[in-house]
Amino acid sequence: MIPASIGLGVAALLLTAALWGSNHVVARAMHDTVPLTAMVFWRWALALIVLIPIALPQIRKDYVALRRNLREIAIGGIIGVGIFSFLLVGGAYQGLAIEVGIINATTPAWVAVIAWLNGQSLLRARGWFGLLLAFLGTVVIVAQGSLAVLATIDIRIGNLWSLLGAIAFAWFSLRVRTWSREISSLSLTAVTALIGCLVIMAPAYMIWLAIGGEVIAFRDADSSRAWASVIYVALGPTLLGNVCYLFGLTVVGPQRAAAFLYLSPVFAALLSVGLLGEPLHLFHLMGFALIIAGLVVVNLDR
């Protein structure tokens, strides 16, 4: 791991939370303008056009380590970038930005669960209690504050996608921490993103075009507005957000880095209520409070 100050790592993670919070709002706002496959593909394709030339010198320095870990890194890129991107954006397309942002904030809890399943004891009894609180908060959001909803099929599919995305990203965070001991965060960002784009995003987009899908905007939609949103998501939340997150993760570790993501719903909620006019319900506040309380307890138990 390249030495860096804790302060820079924390600043990078705070910026990540703000950028990723805005990502949910933009994706939700454009769900009826930009097709899902187009949004997922172009957000990373444009980001990679900028990222690869910047990262290439560092990739050359890390070449030996990258080659030695290529198989694992490839799997990480497929799951942690390719599949995760569809779950992330798809969740915002199929659910409310407030709910998606809050559910994604459960990532730190899933980091602990996955680590435990792999034989790494990250939590004591108090930490597992916090994990339970965070899980209950997720249930409140997914069930929309009603236990009766759990017995029906009226659960937002976007919320389920978001939950799967949080689990996938938690797994990816743990793997990145291992690789970062000998590979820089910049190289990891570029290589995993390139693999995820080539293996998952590009083929899905090509299939979409082959069956007659639109390049960037649905018919009768504003293509200039579509491009503007995609460019923002590509350069802001996707490029800068992922670089900042992986940098912060390599400095402070996966569980502490993931804990900063609970700030993302705060930004998402403020933006979605203010810009999209989404309603703020009591069950949103209850779920958010449970998740925050749970994650605070989890991160006190280090």
C-alpha atoms as a PDB file:
ATOM      1  CA  MET A   1       0.000   0.000   0.000  1.00  0.00           C
ATOM      2  CA  ILE A   2       1.279   3.441  -0.910  1.00  0.00           C
ATOM      3  CA  PRO A   3       1.669   5.547   2.292  1.00  0.00           C
ATOM      4  CA  ALA A   4      -0.928   8.321   2.635  1.00  0.00           C
ATOM      5  CA  SER A   5      -2.302  10.410   5.477  1.00  0.00           C
ATOM      6  CA  ILE A   6      -5.493   9.395   7.253  1.00  0.00           C
ATOM      7  CA  GLY A   7      -6.790  12.933   6.712  1.00  0.00           C
ATOM      8  CA  LEU A   8      -6.616  12.642   2.935  1.00  0.00           C
ATOM      9  CA  GLY A   9      -8.306   9.249   3.100  1.00  0.00           C
ATOM     10  CA  VAL A  10     -11.166  10.641   5.189  1.00  0.00           C
ATOM     11  CA  ALA A  11     -11.581  13.643   2.855  1.00  0.00           C
ATOM     12  CA  ALA A  12     -11.703  11.305  -0.143  1.00  0.00           C
ATOM     13  CA  LEU A  13     -14.397   9.171   1.521  1.00  0.00           C
ATOM     14  CA  LEU A  14     -16.510  12.217   2.414  1.00  0.00           C
ATOM     15  CA  LEU A  15     -16.377  13.345  -1.209  1.00  0.00           C
ATOM     16  CA  THR A  16     -17.303   9.809  -2.283  1.00  0.00           C
ATOM     17  CA  ALA A  17     -20.430   9.856  -0.117  1.00  0.00           C
ATOM     18  CA  ALA A  18     -21.562  13.163  -1.612  1.00  0.00           C
ATOM     19  CA  LEU A  19     -20.916  12.076  -5.198  1.00  0.00           C
ATOM     20  CA  TRP A  20     -22.588   8.703  -4.813  1.00  0.00           C
ATOM     21  CA  GLY A  21     -25.571  10.298  -3.118  1.00  0.00           C
ATOM     22  CA  SER A  22     -26.050  12.519  -6.168  1.00  0.00           C
ATOM     23  CA  ASN A  23     -25.621   9.466  -8.422  1.00  0.00           C
ATOM     24  CA  HIS A  24     -28.842   7.878  -7.110  1.00  0.00           C
ATOM     25  CA  VAL A  25     -30.754  11.096  -7.712  1.00  0.00           C
ATOM     26  CA  VAL A  26     -29.498  11.636 -11.274  1.00  0.00           C
ATOM     27  CA  ALA A  27     -30.149   7.993 -12.198  1.00  0.00           C
ATOM     28  CA  ARG A  28     -33.687   8.213 -10.817  1.00  0.00           C
ATOM     29  CA  ALA A  29     -34.327  11.507 -12.624  1.00  0.00           C
ATOM     30  CA  MET A  30     -33.193  10.035 -15.971  1.00  0.00           C
ATOM     31  CA  HIS A  31     -34.841   6.595 -15.772  1.00  0.00           C
ATOM     32  CA  ASP A  32     -37.443   7.556 -18.374  1.00  0.00           C
ATOM     33  CA  THR A  33     -34.902   9.350 -20.595  1.00  0.00           C
ATOM     34  CA  VAL A  34     -31.795   7.126 -20.777  1.00  0.00           C
ATOM     35  CA  PRO A  35     -32.133   3.319 -21.193  1.00  0.00           C
ATOM     36  CA  LEU A  36     -30.577   1.335 -18.348  1.00  0.00           C
ATOM     37  CA  THR A  37     -27.993  -0.420 -20.536  1.00  0.00           C
ATOM     38  CA  ALA A  38     -26.969   2.894 -22.121  1.00  0.00           C
ATOM     39  CA  MET A  39     -26.556   4.614 -18.747  1.00  0.00           C
ATOM     40  CA  VAL A  40     -24.499   1.746 -17.325  1.00  0.00           C
ATOM     41  CA  PHE A  41     -22.265   1.440 -20.407  1.00  0.00           C
ATOM     42  CA  TRP A  42     -21.630   5.121 -21.148  1.00  0.00           C
ATOM     43  CA  ARG A  43     -20.999   6.121 -17.518  1.00  0.00           C
ATOM     44  CA  TRP A  44     -17.981   3.801 -17.446  1.00  0.00           C
ATOM     45  CA  ALA A  45     -16.969   4.082 -21.106  1.00  0.00           C
ATOM     46  CA  LEU A  46     -16.587   7.860 -20.818  1.00  0.00           C
ATOM     47  CA  ALA A  47     -14.898   7.555 -17.427  1.00  0.00           C
ATOM     48  CA  LEU A  48     -12.376   5.060 -18.830  1.00  0.00           C
ATOM     49  CA  ILE A  49     -11.513   7.368 -21.733  1.00  0.00           C
ATOM     50  CA  VAL A  50     -10.284   9.851 -19.124  1.00  0.00           C
ATOM     51  CA  LEU A  51      -8.990   7.349 -16.578  1.00  0.00           C
ATOM     52  CA  ILE A  52      -6.870   4.976 -18.683  1.00  0.00           C
ATOM     53  CA  PRO A  53      -4.339   7.591 -19.961  1.00  0.00           C
ATOM     54  CA  ILE A  54      -3.944   8.937 -16.417  1.00  0.00           C
ATOM     55  CA  ALA A  55      -3.551   5.490 -14.862  1.00  0.00           C
ATOM     56  CA  LEU A  56      -1.333   3.939 -17.562  1.00  0.00           C
ATOM     57  CA  PRO A  57       2.041   4.946 -16.018  1.00  0.00           C
ATOM     58  CA  GLN A  58       0.975   3.514 -12.654  1.00  0.00           C
ATOM     59  CA  ILE A  59      -0.389   0.365 -14.317  1.00  0.00           C
ATOM     60  CA  ARG A  60       3.051  -0.200 -15.854  1.00  0.00           C
ATOM     61  CA  LYS A  61       4.650   0.084 -12.404  1.00  0.00           C
ATOM     62  CA  ASP A  62       2.118  -2.375 -10.976  1.00  0.00           C
ATOM     63  CA  TYR A  63       2.260  -4.724 -13.988  1.00  0.00           C
ATOM     64  CA  VAL A  64       3.956  -7.644 -12.215  1.00  0.00           C
ATOM     65  CA  ALA A  65       1.546  -7.580  -9.271  1.00  0.00           C
ATOM     66  CA  LEU A  66      -1.446  -7.097 -11.575  1.00  0.00           C
ATOM     67  CA  ARG A  67      -0.423 -10.071 -13.680  1.00  0.00           C
ATOM     68  CA  ARG A  68       0.109 -12.244 -10.611  1.00  0.00           C
ATOM     69  CA  ASN A  69      -3.386 -11.420  -9.286  1.00  0.00           C
ATOM     70  CA  LEU A  70      -5.116 -11.045 -12.660  1.00  0.00           C
ATOM     71  CA  ARG A  71      -7.564 -13.920 -12.242  1.00  0.00           C
ATOM     72  CA  GLU A  72      -8.896 -12.643  -8.913  1.00  0.00           C
ATOM     73  CA  ILE A  73      -8.885  -9.037 -10.102  1.00  0.00           C
ATOM     74  CA  ALA A  74     -10.843 -10.076 -13.214  1.00  0.00           C
ATOM     75  CA  ILE A  75     -13.508 -11.713 -11.057  1.00  0.00           C
ATOM     76  CA  GLY A  76     -13.541  -8.569  -8.926  1.00  0.00           C
ATOM     77  CA  GLY A  77     -14.052  -6.394 -11.995  1.00  0.00           C
ATOM     78  CA  ILE A  78     -16.891  -8.577 -13.272  1.00  0.00           C
ATOM     79  CA  ILE A  79     -18.765  -8.651  -9.953  1.00  0.00           C
ATOM     80  CA  GLY A  80     -17.635  -5.472  -8.195  1.00  0.00           C
ATOM     81  CA  VAL A  81     -17.853  -3.173 -11.225  1.00  0.00           C
ATOM     82  CA  GLY A  82     -19.775  -4.850 -14.065  1.00  0.00           C
ATOM     83  CA  ILE A  83     -22.635  -6.592 -12.246  1.00  0.00           C
ATOM     84  CA  PHE A  84     -22.633  -4.064  -9.413  1.00  0.00           C
ATOM     85  CA  SER A  85     -23.129  -1.183 -11.878  1.00  0.00           C
ATOM     86  CA  PHE A  86     -26.319  -2.768 -13.230  1.00  0.00           C
ATOM     87  CA  LEU A  87     -27.584  -3.406  -9.687  1.00  0.00           C
ATOM     88  CA  LEU A  88     -26.710   0.134  -8.595  1.00  0.00           C
ATOM     89  CA  VAL A  89     -28.255   1.998 -11.531  1.00  0.00           C
ATOM     90  CA  GLY A  90     -31.082  -0.521 -11.926  1.00  0.00           C
ATOM     91  CA  GLY A  91     -32.026  -0.019  -8.294  1.00  0.00           C
ATOM     92  CA  ALA A  92     -32.359   3.730  -8.819  1.00  0.00           C
ATOM     93  CA  TYR A  93     -34.332   3.157 -12.041  1.00  0.00           C
ATOM     94  CA  GLN A  94     -36.815   0.840 -10.322  1.00  0.00           C
ATOM     95  CA  GLY A  95     -37.045   2.475  -6.888  1.00  0.00           C
ATOM     96  CA  LEU A  96     -37.020   5.848  -5.156  1.00  0.00           C
ATOM     97  CA  ALA A  97     -33.664   7.578  -4.848  1.00  0.00           C
ATOM     98  CA  ILE A  98     -34.162   8.060  -1.088  1.00  0.00           C
ATOM     99  CA  GLU A  99     -34.736   4.336  -0.529  1.00  0.00           C
ATOM    100  CA  VAL A 100     -31.905   3.252  -2.825  1.00  0.00           C
ATOM    101  CA  GLY A 101     -29.469   5.555  -1.058  1.00  0.00           C
ATOM    102  CA  ILE A 102     -30.440   4.272   2.376  1.00  0.00           C
ATOM    103  CA  ILE A 103     -30.276   0.592   1.395  1.00  0.00           C
ATOM    104  CA  ASN A 104     -26.842   1.070  -0.171  1.00  0.00           C
ATOM    105  CA  ALA A 105     -25.705   2.394   3.204  1.00  0.00           C
ATOM    106  CA  THR A 106     -25.912  -1.157   4.595  1.00  0.00           C
ATOM    107  CA  THR A 107     -22.623  -1.981   2.828  1.00  0.00           C
ATOM    108  CA  PRO A 108     -20.536  -1.813   6.064  1.00  0.00           C
ATOM    109  CA  ALA A 109     -22.747  -4.444   7.678  1.00  0.00           C
ATOM    110  CA  TRP A 110     -22.328  -6.755   4.710  1.00  0.00           C
ATOM    111  CA  VAL A 111     -18.558  -6.232   4.872  1.00  0.00           C
ATOM    112  CA  ALA A 112     -18.668  -7.639   8.401  1.00  0.00           C
ATOM    113  CA  VAL A 113     -20.908 -10.563   7.431  1.00  0.00           C
ATOM    114  CA  ILE A 114     -18.790 -11.587   4.443  1.00  0.00           C
ATOM    115  CA  ALA A 115     -15.602 -11.267   6.466  1.00  0.00           C
ATOM    116  CA  TRP A 116     -17.126 -13.477   9.178  1.00  0.00           C
ATOM    117  CA  LEU A 117     -18.160 -16.093   6.600  1.00  0.00           C
ATOM    118  CA  ASN A 118     -14.532 -16.128   5.446  1.00  0.00           C
ATOM    119  CA  GLY A 119     -13.321 -16.796   8.993  1.00  0.00           C
ATOM    120  CA  GLN A 120     -12.355 -13.210   9.853  1.00  0.00           C
ATOM    121  CA  SER A 121     -13.841 -12.103  13.168  1.00  0.00           C
ATOM    122  CA  LEU A 122     -14.366  -8.352  12.736  1.00  0.00           C
ATOM    123  CA  LEU A 123     -17.158  -7.958  15.282  1.00  0.00           C
ATOM    124  CA  ARG A 124     -17.886  -8.819  18.893  1.00  0.00           C
ATOM    125  CA  ALA A 125     -21.353  -9.101  20.481  1.00  0.00           C
ATOM    126  CA  ARG A 126     -21.891  -5.330  20.461  1.00  0.00           C
ATOM    127  CA  GLY A 127     -20.940  -5.145  16.796  1.00  0.00           C
ATOM    128  CA  TRP A 128     -23.383  -7.872  15.846  1.00  0.00           C
ATOM    129  CA  PHE A 129     -26.121  -5.986  17.697  1.00  0.00           C
ATOM    130  CA  GLY A 130     -25.331  -2.973  15.543  1.00  0.00           C
ATOM    131  CA  LEU A 131     -25.477  -5.198  12.486  1.00  0.00           C
ATOM    132  CA  LEU A 132     -28.950  -6.348  13.520  1.00  0.00           C
ATOM    133  CA  LEU A 133     -30.115  -2.732  13.905  1.00  0.00           C
ATOM    134  CA  ALA A 134     -28.845  -1.875  10.415  1.00  0.00           C
ATOM    135  CA  PHE A 135     -30.572  -4.945   8.975  1.00  0.00           C
ATOM    136  CA  LEU A 136     -33.860  -3.983  10.631  1.00  0.00           C
ATOM    137  CA  GLY A 137     -33.535  -0.529   9.118  1.00  0.00           C
ATOM    138  CA  THR A 138     -33.167  -2.097   5.694  1.00  0.00           C
ATOM    139  CA  VAL A 139     -36.291  -4.209   6.303  1.00  0.00           C
ATOM    140  CA  VAL A 140     -38.247  -1.093   7.249  1.00  0.00           C
ATOM    141  CA  ILE A 141     -37.265   0.609   3.975  1.00  0.00           C
ATOM    142  CA  VAL A 142     -37.820  -2.413   1.725  1.00  0.00           C
ATOM    143  CA  ALA A 143     -41.186  -3.154   3.371  1.00  0.00           C
ATOM    144  CA  GLN A 144     -42.165   0.528   3.127  1.00  0.00           C
ATOM    145  CA  GLY A 145     -42.942   0.614   6.841  1.00  0.00           C
ATOM    146  CA  SER A 146     -45.546  -2.138   6.715  1.00  0.00           C
ATOM    147  CA  LEU A 147     -45.080  -5.738   7.806  1.00  0.00           C
ATOM    148  CA  ALA A 148     -47.982  -6.676   5.527  1.00  0.00           C
ATOM    149  CA  VAL A 149     -45.868  -5.723   2.512  1.00  0.00           C
ATOM    150  CA  LEU A 150     -43.427  -8.528   3.320  1.00  0.00           C
ATOM    151  CA  ALA A 151     -46.229 -11.046   2.749  1.00  0.00           C
ATOM    152  CA  THR A 152     -46.991  -9.662  -0.709  1.00  0.00           C
ATOM    153  CA  ILE A 153     -45.077  -9.136  -3.946  1.00  0.00           C
ATOM    154  CA  ASP A 154     -45.470  -5.373  -3.611  1.00  0.00           C
ATOM    155  CA  ILE A 155     -41.839  -4.840  -2.657  1.00  0.00           C
ATOM    156  CA  ARG A 156     -40.016  -2.457  -4.974  1.00  0.00           C
ATOM    157  CA  ILE A 157     -37.782  -4.497  -7.267  1.00  0.00           C
ATOM    158  CA  GLY A 158     -35.339  -1.593  -7.238  1.00  0.00           C
ATOM    159  CA  ASN A 159     -34.851  -2.001  -3.493  1.00  0.00           C
ATOM    160  CA  LEU A 160     -33.971  -5.665  -3.939  1.00  0.00           C
ATOM    161  CA  TRP A 161     -31.501  -4.770  -6.689  1.00  0.00           C
ATOM    162  CA  SER A 162     -29.949  -2.184  -4.385  1.00  0.00           C
ATOM    163  CA  LEU A 163     -29.621  -4.718  -1.575  1.00  0.00           C
ATOM    164  CA  LEU A 164     -27.848  -7.186  -3.876  1.00  0.00           C
ATOM    165  CA  GLY A 165     -25.629  -4.329  -5.054  1.00  0.00           C
ATOM    166  CA  ALA A 166     -24.662  -3.473  -1.472  1.00  0.00           C
ATOM    167  CA  ILE A 167     -23.675  -7.106  -0.858  1.00  0.00           C
ATOM    168  CA  ALA A 168     -21.656  -7.282  -4.095  1.00  0.00           C
ATOM    169  CA  PHE A 169     -19.816  -4.057  -3.296  1.00  0.00           C
ATOM    170  CA  ALA A 170     -19.054  -5.215   0.236  1.00  0.00           C
ATOM    171  CA  TRP A 171     -17.381  -8.332  -1.168  1.00  0.00           C
ATOM    172  CA  PHE A 172     -15.454  -6.184  -3.657  1.00  0.00           C
ATOM    173  CA  SER A 173     -14.278  -3.834  -0.889  1.00  0.00           C
ATOM    174  CA  LEU A 174     -12.752  -6.710   1.057  1.00  0.00           C
ATOM    175  CA  ARG A 175     -10.935  -8.002  -2.020  1.00  0.00           C
ATOM    176  CA  VAL A 176      -9.586  -4.536  -2.887  1.00  0.00           C
ATOM    177  CA  ARG A 177      -8.088  -4.233   0.595  1.00  0.00           C
ATOM    178  CA  THR A 178      -6.097  -7.427  -0.045  1.00  0.00           C
ATOM    179  CA  TRP A 179      -4.901  -6.378  -3.510  1.00  0.00           C
ATOM    180  CA  SER A 180      -3.995  -2.849  -2.363  1.00  0.00           C
ATOM    181  CA  ARG A 181      -1.130  -4.207  -0.275  1.00  0.00           C
ATOM    182  CA  GLU A 182       0.902  -4.384  -3.481  1.00  0.00           C
ATOM    183  CA  ILE A 183      -1.167  -2.533  -6.123  1.00  0.00           C
ATOM    184  CA  SER A 184      -2.119   1.159  -6.138  1.00  0.00           C
ATOM    185  CA  SER A 185      -5.755   2.247  -5.913  1.00  0.00           C
ATOM    186  CA  LEU A 186      -5.471   4.033  -9.273  1.00  0.00           C
ATOM    187  CA  SER A 187      -4.385   0.859 -11.065  1.00  0.00           C
ATOM    188  CA  LEU A 188      -7.085  -1.182  -9.347  1.00  0.00           C
ATOM    189  CA  THR A 189      -9.767   1.315 -10.321  1.00  0.00           C
ATOM    190  CA  ALA A 190      -8.717   1.371 -13.977  1.00  0.00           C
ATOM    191  CA  VAL A 191      -8.153  -2.366 -14.428  1.00  0.00           C
ATOM    192  CA  THR A 192     -11.271  -3.595 -12.619  1.00  0.00           C
ATOM    193  CA  ALA A 193     -13.409  -1.002 -14.414  1.00  0.00           C
ATOM    194  CA  LEU A 194     -11.988  -1.940 -17.821  1.00  0.00           C
ATOM    195  CA  ILE A 195     -12.670  -5.631 -17.205  1.00  0.00           C
ATOM    196  CA  GLY A 196     -16.191  -4.963 -15.933  1.00  0.00           C
ATOM    197  CA  CYS A 197     -16.925  -2.778 -18.957  1.00  0.00           C
ATOM    198  CA  LEU A 198     -15.550  -5.220 -21.546  1.00  0.00           C
ATOM    199  CA  VAL A 199     -17.042  -8.383 -20.042  1.00  0.00           C
ATOM    200  CA  ILE A 200     -20.433  -7.186 -18.732  1.00  0.00           C
ATOM    201  CA  MET A 201     -21.429  -3.661 -19.765  1.00  0.00           C
ATOM    202  CA  ALA A 202     -20.331  -3.560 -23.414  1.00  0.00           C
ATOM    203  CA  PRO A 203     -21.904  -6.939 -24.369  1.00  0.00           C
ATOM    204  CA  ALA A 204     -25.192  -5.989 -22.672  1.00  0.00           C
ATOM    205  CA  TYR A 205     -25.197  -2.648 -24.514  1.00  0.00           C
ATOM    206  CA  MET A 206     -24.416  -4.334 -27.859  1.00  0.00           C
ATOM    207  CA  ILE A 207     -27.323  -6.741 -27.353  1.00  0.00           C
ATOM    208  CA  TRP A 208     -29.572  -3.774 -26.532  1.00  0.00           C
ATOM    209  CA  LEU A 209     -28.569  -2.043 -29.774  1.00  0.00           C
ATOM    210  CA  ALA A 210     -28.935  -5.264 -31.780  1.00  0.00           C
ATOM    211  CA  ILE A 211     -32.573  -5.661 -30.740  1.00  0.00           C
ATOM    212  CA  GLY A 212     -33.322  -2.088 -31.804  1.00  0.00           C
ATOM    213  CA  GLY A 213     -32.622  -0.195 -28.598  1.00  0.00           C
ATOM    214  CA  GLU A 214     -31.732   3.492 -28.590  1.00  0.00           C
ATOM    215  CA  VAL A 215     -28.120   4.680 -28.410  1.00  0.00           C
ATOM    216  CA  ILE A 216     -28.486   7.182 -25.578  1.00  0.00           C
ATOM    217  CA  ALA A 217     -32.086   8.393 -25.169  1.00  0.00           C
ATOM    218  CA  PHE A 218     -35.535   6.905 -25.575  1.00  0.00           C
ATOM    219  CA  ARG A 219     -37.510   8.053 -28.614  1.00  0.00           C
ATOM    220  CA  ASP A 220     -39.016  11.531 -28.158  1.00  0.00           C
ATOM    221  CA  ALA A 221     -36.688  12.141 -25.169  1.00  0.00           C
ATOM    222  CA  ASP A 222     -34.221  15.038 -24.985  1.00  0.00           C
ATOM    223  CA  SER A 223     -30.890  13.578 -26.151  1.00  0.00           C
ATOM    224  CA  SER A 224     -28.876  16.639 -25.067  1.00  0.00           C
ATOM    225  CA  ARG A 225     -30.258  16.285 -21.525  1.00  0.00           C
ATOM    226  CA  ALA A 226     -29.455  12.589 -21.654  1.00  0.00           C
ATOM    227  CA  TRP A 227     -25.826  13.213 -22.668  1.00  0.00           C
ATOM    228  CA  ALA A 228     -25.423  15.912 -20.007  1.00  0.00           C
ATOM    229  CA  SER A 229     -26.582  13.551 -17.252  1.00  0.00           C
ATOM    230  CA  VAL A 230     -24.407  10.686 -18.498  1.00  0.00           C
ATOM    231  CA  ILE A 231     -21.315  12.916 -18.690  1.00  0.00           C
ATOM    232  CA  TYR A 232     -21.886  14.146 -15.134  1.00  0.00           C
ATOM    233  CA  VAL A 233     -22.373  10.606 -13.799  1.00  0.00           C
ATOM    234  CA  ALA A 234     -19.299   9.407 -15.736  1.00  0.00           C
ATOM    235  CA  LEU A 235     -16.901  12.116 -14.563  1.00  0.00           C
ATOM    236  CA  GLY A 236     -18.322  12.740 -11.084  1.00  0.00           C
ATOM    237  CA  PRO A 237     -19.769   9.730  -9.222  1.00  0.00           C
ATOM    238  CA  THR A 238     -18.199   7.095 -11.494  1.00  0.00           C
ATOM    239  CA  LEU A 239     -14.662   8.346 -12.168  1.00  0.00           C
ATOM    240  CA  LEU A 240     -13.907  10.647  -9.245  1.00  0.00           C
ATOM    241  CA  GLY A 241     -16.150   8.780  -6.806  1.00  0.00           C
ATOM    242  CA  ASN A 242     -14.599   5.358  -7.417  1.00  0.00           C
ATOM    243  CA  VAL A 243     -11.027   6.662  -7.393  1.00  0.00           C
ATOM    244  CA  CYS A 244     -11.688   8.485  -4.097  1.00  0.00           C
ATOM    245  CA  TYR A 245     -13.367   5.453  -2.542  1.00  0.00           C
ATOM    246  CA  LEU A 246     -10.617   3.006  -3.445  1.00  0.00           C
ATOM    247  CA  PHE A 247      -7.986   5.502  -2.290  1.00  0.00           C
ATOM    248  CA  GLY A 248      -9.760   5.998   1.029  1.00  0.00           C
ATOM    249  CA  LEU A 249     -10.238   2.249   1.404  1.00  0.00           C
ATOM    250  CA  THR A 250      -6.538   1.544   0.978  1.00  0.00           C
ATOM    251  CA  VAL A 251      -5.762   4.143   3.667  1.00  0.00           C
ATOM    252  CA  VAL A 252      -8.321   3.366   6.399  1.00  0.00           C
ATOM    253  CA  GLY A 253      -9.401  -0.220   5.597  1.00  0.00           C
ATOM    254  CA  PRO A 254     -12.602  -1.730   4.166  1.00  0.00           C
ATOM    255  CA  GLN A 255     -14.944  -1.578   7.142  1.00  0.00           C
ATOM    256  CA  ARG A 256     -14.083   1.968   8.173  1.00  0.00           C
ATOM    257  CA  ALA A 257     -14.219   3.115   4.530  1.00  0.00           C
ATOM    258  CA  ALA A 258     -17.596   1.473   3.959  1.00  0.00           C
ATOM    259  CA  ALA A 259     -18.934   3.186   7.096  1.00  0.00           C
ATOM    260  CA  PHE A 260     -18.640   6.562   5.355  1.00  0.00           C
ATOM    261  CA  LEU A 261     -21.253   5.391   2.867  1.00  0.00           C
ATOM    262  CA  TYR A 262     -24.012   5.874   5.426  1.00  0.00           C
ATOM    263  CA  LEU A 263     -23.578   9.588   4.688  1.00  0.00           C
ATOM    264  CA  SER A 264     -24.613   8.963   1.087  1.00  0.00           C
ATOM    265  CA  PRO A 265     -28.356   8.691   1.936  1.00  0.00           C
ATOM    266  CA  VAL A 266     -28.193  12.115   3.573  1.00  0.00           C
ATOM    267  CA  PHE A 267     -27.073  13.705   0.303  1.00  0.00           C
ATOM    268  CA  ALA A 268     -29.463  11.519  -1.718  1.00  0.00           C
ATOM    269  CA  ALA A 269     -32.416  12.428   0.503  1.00  0.00           C
ATOM    270  CA  LEU A 270     -31.715  16.159   0.404  1.00  0.00           C
ATOM    271  CA  LEU A 271     -31.321  16.156  -3.368  1.00  0.00           C
ATOM    272  CA  SER A 272     -34.240  13.836  -4.159  1.00  0.00           C
ATOM    273  CA  VAL A 273     -36.682  15.767  -1.990  1.00  0.00           C
ATOM    274  CA  GLY A 274     -35.436  19.149  -3.195  1.00  0.00           C
ATOM    275  CA  LEU A 275     -34.942  18.393  -6.891  1.00  0.00           C
ATOM    276  CA  LEU A 276     -37.239  15.453  -7.675  1.00  0.00           C
ATOM    277  CA  GLY A 277     -40.051  16.254  -5.281  1.00  0.00           C
ATOM    278  CA  GLU A 278     -40.012  12.719  -3.855  1.00  0.00           C
ATOM    279  CA  PRO A 279     -42.060  12.299  -0.659  1.00  0.00           C
ATOM    280  CA  LEU A 280     -40.260  11.850   2.637  1.00  0.00           C
ATOM    281  CA  HIS A 281     -42.215   9.345   4.739  1.00  0.00           C
ATOM    282  CA  LEU A 282     -41.942   8.406   8.385  1.00  0.00           C
ATOM    283  CA  PHE A 283     -40.704   4.919   7.482  1.00  0.00           C
ATOM    284  CA  HIS A 284     -37.777   6.520   5.602  1.00  0.00           C
ATOM    285  CA  LEU A 285     -36.764   8.336   8.779  1.00  0.00           C
ATOM    286  CA  MET A 286     -37.269   5.245  10.938  1.00  0.00           C
ATOM    287  CA  GLY A 287     -35.210   3.055   8.605  1.00  0.00           C
ATOM    288  CA  PHE A 288     -32.500   5.676   8.287  1.00  0.00           C
ATOM    289  CA  ALA A 289     -32.303   6.099  12.072  1.00  0.00           C
ATOM    290  CA  LEU A 290     -31.970   2.334  12.600  1.00  0.00           C
ATOM    291  CA  ILE A 291     -29.265   2.031   9.949  1.00  0.00           C
ATOM    292  CA  ILE A 292     -27.294   4.974  11.334  1.00  0.00           C
ATOM    293  CA  ALA A 293     -27.549   3.644  14.891  1.00  0.00           C
ATOM    294  CA  GLY A 294     -26.505   0.192  13.769  1.00  0.00           C
ATOM    295  CA  LEU A 295     -23.525   1.373  11.763  1.00  0.00           C
ATOM    296  CA  VAL A 296     -22.337   3.598  14.596  1.00  0.00           C
ATOM    297  CA  VAL A 297     -22.387   0.611  16.950  1.00  0.00           C
ATOM    298  CA  VAL A 298     -20.655  -1.582  14.365  1.00  0.00           C
ATOM    299  CA  ASN A 299     -17.851   0.919  13.889  1.00  0.00           C
ATOM    300  CA  LEU A 300     -17.381   1.473  17.615  1.00  0.00           C
ATOM    301  CA  ASP A 301     -16.696  -2.252  17.871  1.00  0.00           C
ATOM    302  CA  ARG A 302     -13.339  -2.317  16.080  1.00  0.00           C
END
